Amino acid sequence: MERIVEQFHKIDTSTISDALDRNGLTGQCLGIRSFNPAWKITGRAFTVKYGPVDIVKGTVGDFIDDVPEGGVVILDNQGRVDCTVWGDILTSVAKRRGIAGTVIDGVCRDTNRSLELNYPIFSVGRYMRTGKDRVQVDGIGCHVNLATVRVRPNDIVVGDADGVVVIPQEFEEKVLATALEIEAAEEKIRSAVEKGMRLADARKEFKYHSLQTKV
């Protein structure tokens, strides 16, 4: 695993969210979550954009063989919940190829297969209805959206029990440094409280209330 990706993998999305806020960045993907709180994914985005089928219907895509090992598949289905863009065949291939996980602005199906294989999927929800003849791939390796967050190829994506965050590639070092700083401050607060300090005093001493404030 790439060094910076590995470092982000050790940090919770809540801390990364605060670090994004502090740097004036929006990367919190509202409404997208996993259905297994134990799942944690971190990797660089491989983006796929869907749209409604054209008069001559396109396909739902055979992109999976092009996703690099350790990548995170990002599927922009415009938040649609009436048809899926991910199922058991994609889950099986992704698991075999060492892909880190899948994030969908939309729904998935064949949930039991992903649980059986322990393959992480983060989505708006689950629904059995196929996307074939309803949606088609409009672009691969392009800018896409997860809720109100723009995702570009190779941005870092982190998902855990609290949801999904996206770190823009050009800000990844800065966001990582901020996240580590926030982690260190919060650990000092926990340690001080365990030693008997009042929480209000510990928070004041280690500047808790301004940790995520934009600078």
Protein backbone atom coordinates (compact mmCIF):
# COMPACT_ATOMS: atom_id res chain seq x y z
CA MET A 1 0.00 0.00 0.00
CA GLU A 2 1.27 3.48 -0.90
CA ARG A 3 2.74 5.33 2.11
CA ILE A 4 0.23 8.16 2.32
CA VAL A 5 -2.71 5.83 1.66
CA GLU A 6 -1.49 3.59 4.48
CA GLN A 7 -1.25 6.58 6.83
CA PHE A 8 -4.80 7.71 6.01
CA HIS A 9 -6.00 4.13 6.58
CA LYS A 10 -5.01 4.46 10.24
CA ILE A 11 -7.14 7.58 10.76
CA ASP A 12 -10.91 7.66 11.36
CA THR A 13 -13.15 9.51 8.91
CA SER A 14 -14.33 11.78 11.73
CA THR A 15 -10.79 13.08 12.23
CA ILE A 16 -10.25 13.43 8.48
CA SER A 17 -13.55 15.32 8.26
CA ASP A 18 -12.30 17.82 10.85
CA ALA A 19 -9.03 18.16 8.93
CA LEU A 20 -10.94 18.86 5.71
CA ASP A 21 -12.99 21.53 7.51
CA ARG A 22 -9.86 23.15 8.87
CA ASN A 23 -8.42 23.36 5.35
CA GLY A 24 -11.65 24.75 3.90
CA LEU A 25 -12.38 21.61 1.88
CA THR A 26 -15.67 19.77 1.36
CA GLY A 27 -15.11 16.03 1.21
CA GLN A 28 -17.84 14.49 3.39
CA CYS A 29 -20.18 12.30 1.32
CA LEU A 30 -23.63 12.72 2.86
CA GLY A 31 -25.89 9.67 2.93
CA ILE A 32 -23.34 7.09 1.76
CA ARG A 33 -22.49 4.34 4.25
CA SER A 34 -21.60 0.67 4.50
CA PHE A 35 -23.86 -2.08 5.73
CA ASN A 36 -21.07 -3.60 7.82
CA PRO A 37 -19.63 -1.16 10.39
CA ALA A 38 -16.44 -3.25 10.59
CA TRP A 39 -15.46 -2.39 7.01
CA LYS A 40 -12.67 0.13 6.43
CA ILE A 41 -11.44 1.13 2.98
CA THR A 42 -8.69 3.46 1.84
CA GLY A 43 -7.37 3.88 -1.68
CA ARG A 44 -7.23 6.01 -4.78
CA ALA A 45 -10.41 6.61 -6.76
CA PHE A 46 -11.22 4.82 -9.99
CA THR A 47 -14.22 6.75 -11.26
CA VAL A 48 -17.21 5.65 -13.35
CA LYS A 49 -20.11 7.92 -14.30
CA TYR A 50 -23.58 6.60 -15.15
CA GLY A 51 -26.52 8.23 -16.86
CA PRO A 52 -29.95 7.23 -18.17
CA VAL A 53 -29.92 4.97 -21.23
CA ASP A 54 -29.90 6.63 -24.64
CA ILE A 55 -32.26 5.81 -27.52
CA VAL A 56 -29.73 3.15 -28.51
CA LYS A 57 -29.12 1.59 -25.10
CA GLY A 58 -25.56 1.44 -23.80
CA THR A 59 -24.13 -1.00 -21.28
CA VAL A 60 -23.57 -0.90 -17.54
CA GLY A 61 -19.85 -1.37 -18.21
CA ASP A 62 -17.06 -3.94 -18.05
CA PHE A 63 -14.56 -1.64 -16.35
CA ILE A 64 -13.66 -3.89 -13.43
CA ASP A 65 -10.62 -5.49 -15.09
CA ASP A 66 -9.01 -2.05 -15.45
CA VAL A 67 -9.22 -1.09 -11.76
CA PRO A 68 -5.74 -1.27 -10.16
CA GLU A 69 -5.12 -3.44 -7.13
CA GLY A 70 -5.83 -1.42 -3.99
CA GLY A 71 -8.03 1.07 -5.85
CA VAL A 72 -11.49 2.16 -4.75
CA VAL A 73 -14.26 1.94 -7.34
CA ILE A 74 -16.37 5.13 -7.35
CA LEU A 75 -19.74 4.80 -9.11
CA ASP A 76 -21.75 7.95 -9.74
CA ASN A 77 -25.33 6.84 -10.46
CA GLN A 78 -26.69 10.30 -9.54
CA GLY A 79 -28.13 8.99 -6.28
CA ARG A 80 -30.66 6.77 -8.05
CA VAL A 81 -32.29 4.21 -5.79
CA ASP A 82 -34.59 2.58 -8.36
CA CYS A 83 -31.90 0.45 -10.04
CA THR A 84 -28.52 -0.94 -9.12
CA VAL A 85 -25.09 -0.63 -10.75
CA TRP A 86 -23.26 -3.27 -8.69
CA GLY A 87 -23.97 -6.95 -8.01
CA ASP A 88 -22.46 -10.31 -7.14
CA ILE A 89 -20.35 -10.83 -10.29
CA LEU A 90 -18.59 -7.48 -9.83
CA THR A 91 -18.13 -8.25 -6.14
CA SER A 92 -16.49 -11.60 -6.91
CA VAL A 93 -14.12 -10.16 -9.52
CA ALA A 94 -13.23 -7.15 -7.36
CA LYS A 95 -12.42 -9.36 -4.38
CA ARG A 96 -10.26 -11.67 -6.50
CA ARG A 97 -8.35 -8.72 -7.99
CA GLY A 98 -7.54 -7.13 -4.63
CA ILE A 99 -9.63 -4.00 -5.09
CA ALA A 100 -10.06 -2.14 -1.78
CA GLY A 101 -13.81 -1.53 -2.04
CA THR A 102 -16.66 0.16 -3.88
CA VAL A 103 -18.48 3.43 -3.18
CA ILE A 104 -21.78 4.11 -4.93
CA ASP A 105 -23.91 7.23 -5.19
CA GLY A 106 -26.83 4.90 -5.72
CA VAL A 107 -27.69 1.33 -4.71
CA CYS A 108 -26.17 -2.14 -4.92
CA ARG A 109 -27.62 -5.63 -4.82
CA ASP A 110 -26.60 -9.22 -3.95
CA THR A 111 -25.73 -8.02 -0.47
CA ASN A 112 -25.17 -11.52 0.91
CA ARG A 113 -22.34 -12.12 -1.55
CA SER A 114 -20.41 -9.05 -0.42
CA LEU A 115 -20.86 -10.10 3.21
CA GLU A 116 -19.81 -13.67 2.41
CA LEU A 117 -16.64 -12.49 0.66
CA ASN A 118 -16.06 -9.64 3.12
CA TYR A 119 -15.87 -7.17 0.23
CA PRO A 120 -16.61 -3.59 1.41
CA ILE A 121 -19.41 -1.69 -0.33
CA PHE A 122 -20.54 1.81 0.66
CA SER A 123 -23.77 3.00 -0.93
CA VAL A 124 -26.99 4.96 -0.50
CA GLY A 125 -28.83 1.68 0.00
CA ARG A 126 -29.68 -1.74 -1.39
CA TYR A 127 -32.25 -2.72 -4.03
CA MET A 128 -32.63 -5.80 -6.22
CA ARG A 129 -33.69 -4.14 -9.52
CA THR A 130 -31.06 -4.28 -12.27
CA GLY A 131 -29.65 -1.20 -13.95
CA LYS A 132 -29.39 -2.98 -17.31
CA ASP A 133 -31.48 -1.16 -19.94
CA ARG A 134 -32.08 1.63 -17.40
CA VAL A 135 -28.65 3.23 -17.03
CA GLN A 136 -25.42 3.16 -19.02
CA VAL A 137 -21.79 4.13 -18.52
CA ASP A 138 -21.23 7.71 -19.69
CA GLY A 139 -17.59 7.98 -18.68
CA ILE A 140 -14.64 6.23 -17.04
CA GLY A 141 -11.72 8.02 -15.43
CA CYS A 142 -13.60 11.33 -15.35
CA HIS A 143 -14.80 13.73 -12.65
CA VAL A 144 -17.83 12.32 -10.81
CA ASN A 145 -19.97 13.20 -7.81
CA LEU A 146 -20.66 11.41 -4.54
CA ALA A 147 -23.64 13.31 -3.11
CA THR A 148 -22.35 16.92 -3.14
CA VAL A 149 -18.65 15.98 -3.29
CA ARG A 150 -16.66 16.11 -6.53
CA VAL A 151 -14.34 13.11 -6.94
CA ARG A 152 -11.54 12.95 -9.46
CA PRO A 153 -9.42 10.00 -10.53
CA ASN A 154 -6.70 9.24 -7.94
CA ASP A 155 -8.20 11.34 -5.15
CA ILE A 156 -7.85 9.44 -1.87
CA VAL A 157 -11.07 7.91 -0.56
CA VAL A 158 -11.55 6.69 3.02
CA GLY A 159 -14.61 4.89 4.33
CA ASP A 160 -15.45 3.44 7.73
CA ALA A 161 -18.40 2.99 10.10
CA ASP A 162 -19.12 6.74 10.05
CA GLY A 163 -19.24 7.16 6.27
CA VAL A 164 -17.00 8.22 3.38
CA VAL A 165 -14.62 11.14 2.89
CA VAL A 166 -12.68 12.24 -0.19
CA ILE A 167 -9.31 13.99 -0.03
CA PRO A 168 -8.32 15.95 -3.17
CA GLN A 169 -4.98 14.71 -4.47
CA GLU A 170 -3.27 18.10 -4.41
CA PHE A 171 -4.20 18.63 -0.73
CA GLU A 172 -3.51 15.12 0.58
CA GLU A 173 -0.23 15.93 2.37
CA LYS A 174 -1.72 19.02 4.01
CA VAL A 175 -4.89 17.21 5.11
CA LEU A 176 -2.83 14.32 6.46
CA ALA A 177 -0.65 16.66 8.53
CA THR A 178 -3.75 18.40 9.92
CA ALA A 179 -5.43 15.09 10.74
CA LEU A 180 -2.37 13.87 12.62
CA GLU A 181 -2.26 17.15 14.55
CA ILE A 182 -5.94 16.78 15.51
CA GLU A 183 -5.40 13.16 16.55
CA ALA A 184 -2.49 14.14 18.77
CA ALA A 185 -4.48 16.93 20.45
CA GLU A 186 -7.46 14.67 21.13
CA GLU A 187 -5.19 11.98 22.57
CA LYS A 188 -3.72 14.58 24.95
CA ILE A 189 -7.25 15.51 26.04
CA ARG A 190 -8.16 11.87 26.70
CA SER A 191 -4.94 11.32 28.64
CA ALA A 192 -5.42 14.46 30.74
CA VAL A 193 -9.00 13.52 31.61
CA GLU A 194 -7.96 10.00 32.61
CA LYS A 195 -5.43 11.58 34.99
CA GLY A 196 -8.18 13.61 36.67
CA MET A 197 -8.28 16.92 34.79
CA ARG A 198 -11.73 18.41 34.21
CA LEU A 199 -12.86 17.93 30.63
CA ALA A 200 -13.54 21.65 30.16
CA ASP A 201 -10.02 22.48 31.31
CA ALA A 202 -8.44 19.81 29.10
CA ARG A 203 -10.36 20.98 26.07
CA LYS A 204 -9.33 24.57 26.72
CA GLU A 205 -5.66 23.70 27.22
CA PHE A 206 -5.42 21.68 24.01
CA LYS A 207 -7.66 24.02 21.96
CA TYR A 208 -10.34 21.39 21.30
CA HIS A 209 -13.00 23.86 20.17
CA SER A 210 -10.84 25.25 17.37
CA LEU A 211 -9.27 22.00 16.10
CA GLN A 212 -11.50 21.92 13.02
CA THR A 213 -11.89 25.69 12.58
CA LYS A 214 -10.73 26.95 9.20
CA VAL A 215 -7.42 28.80 9.41
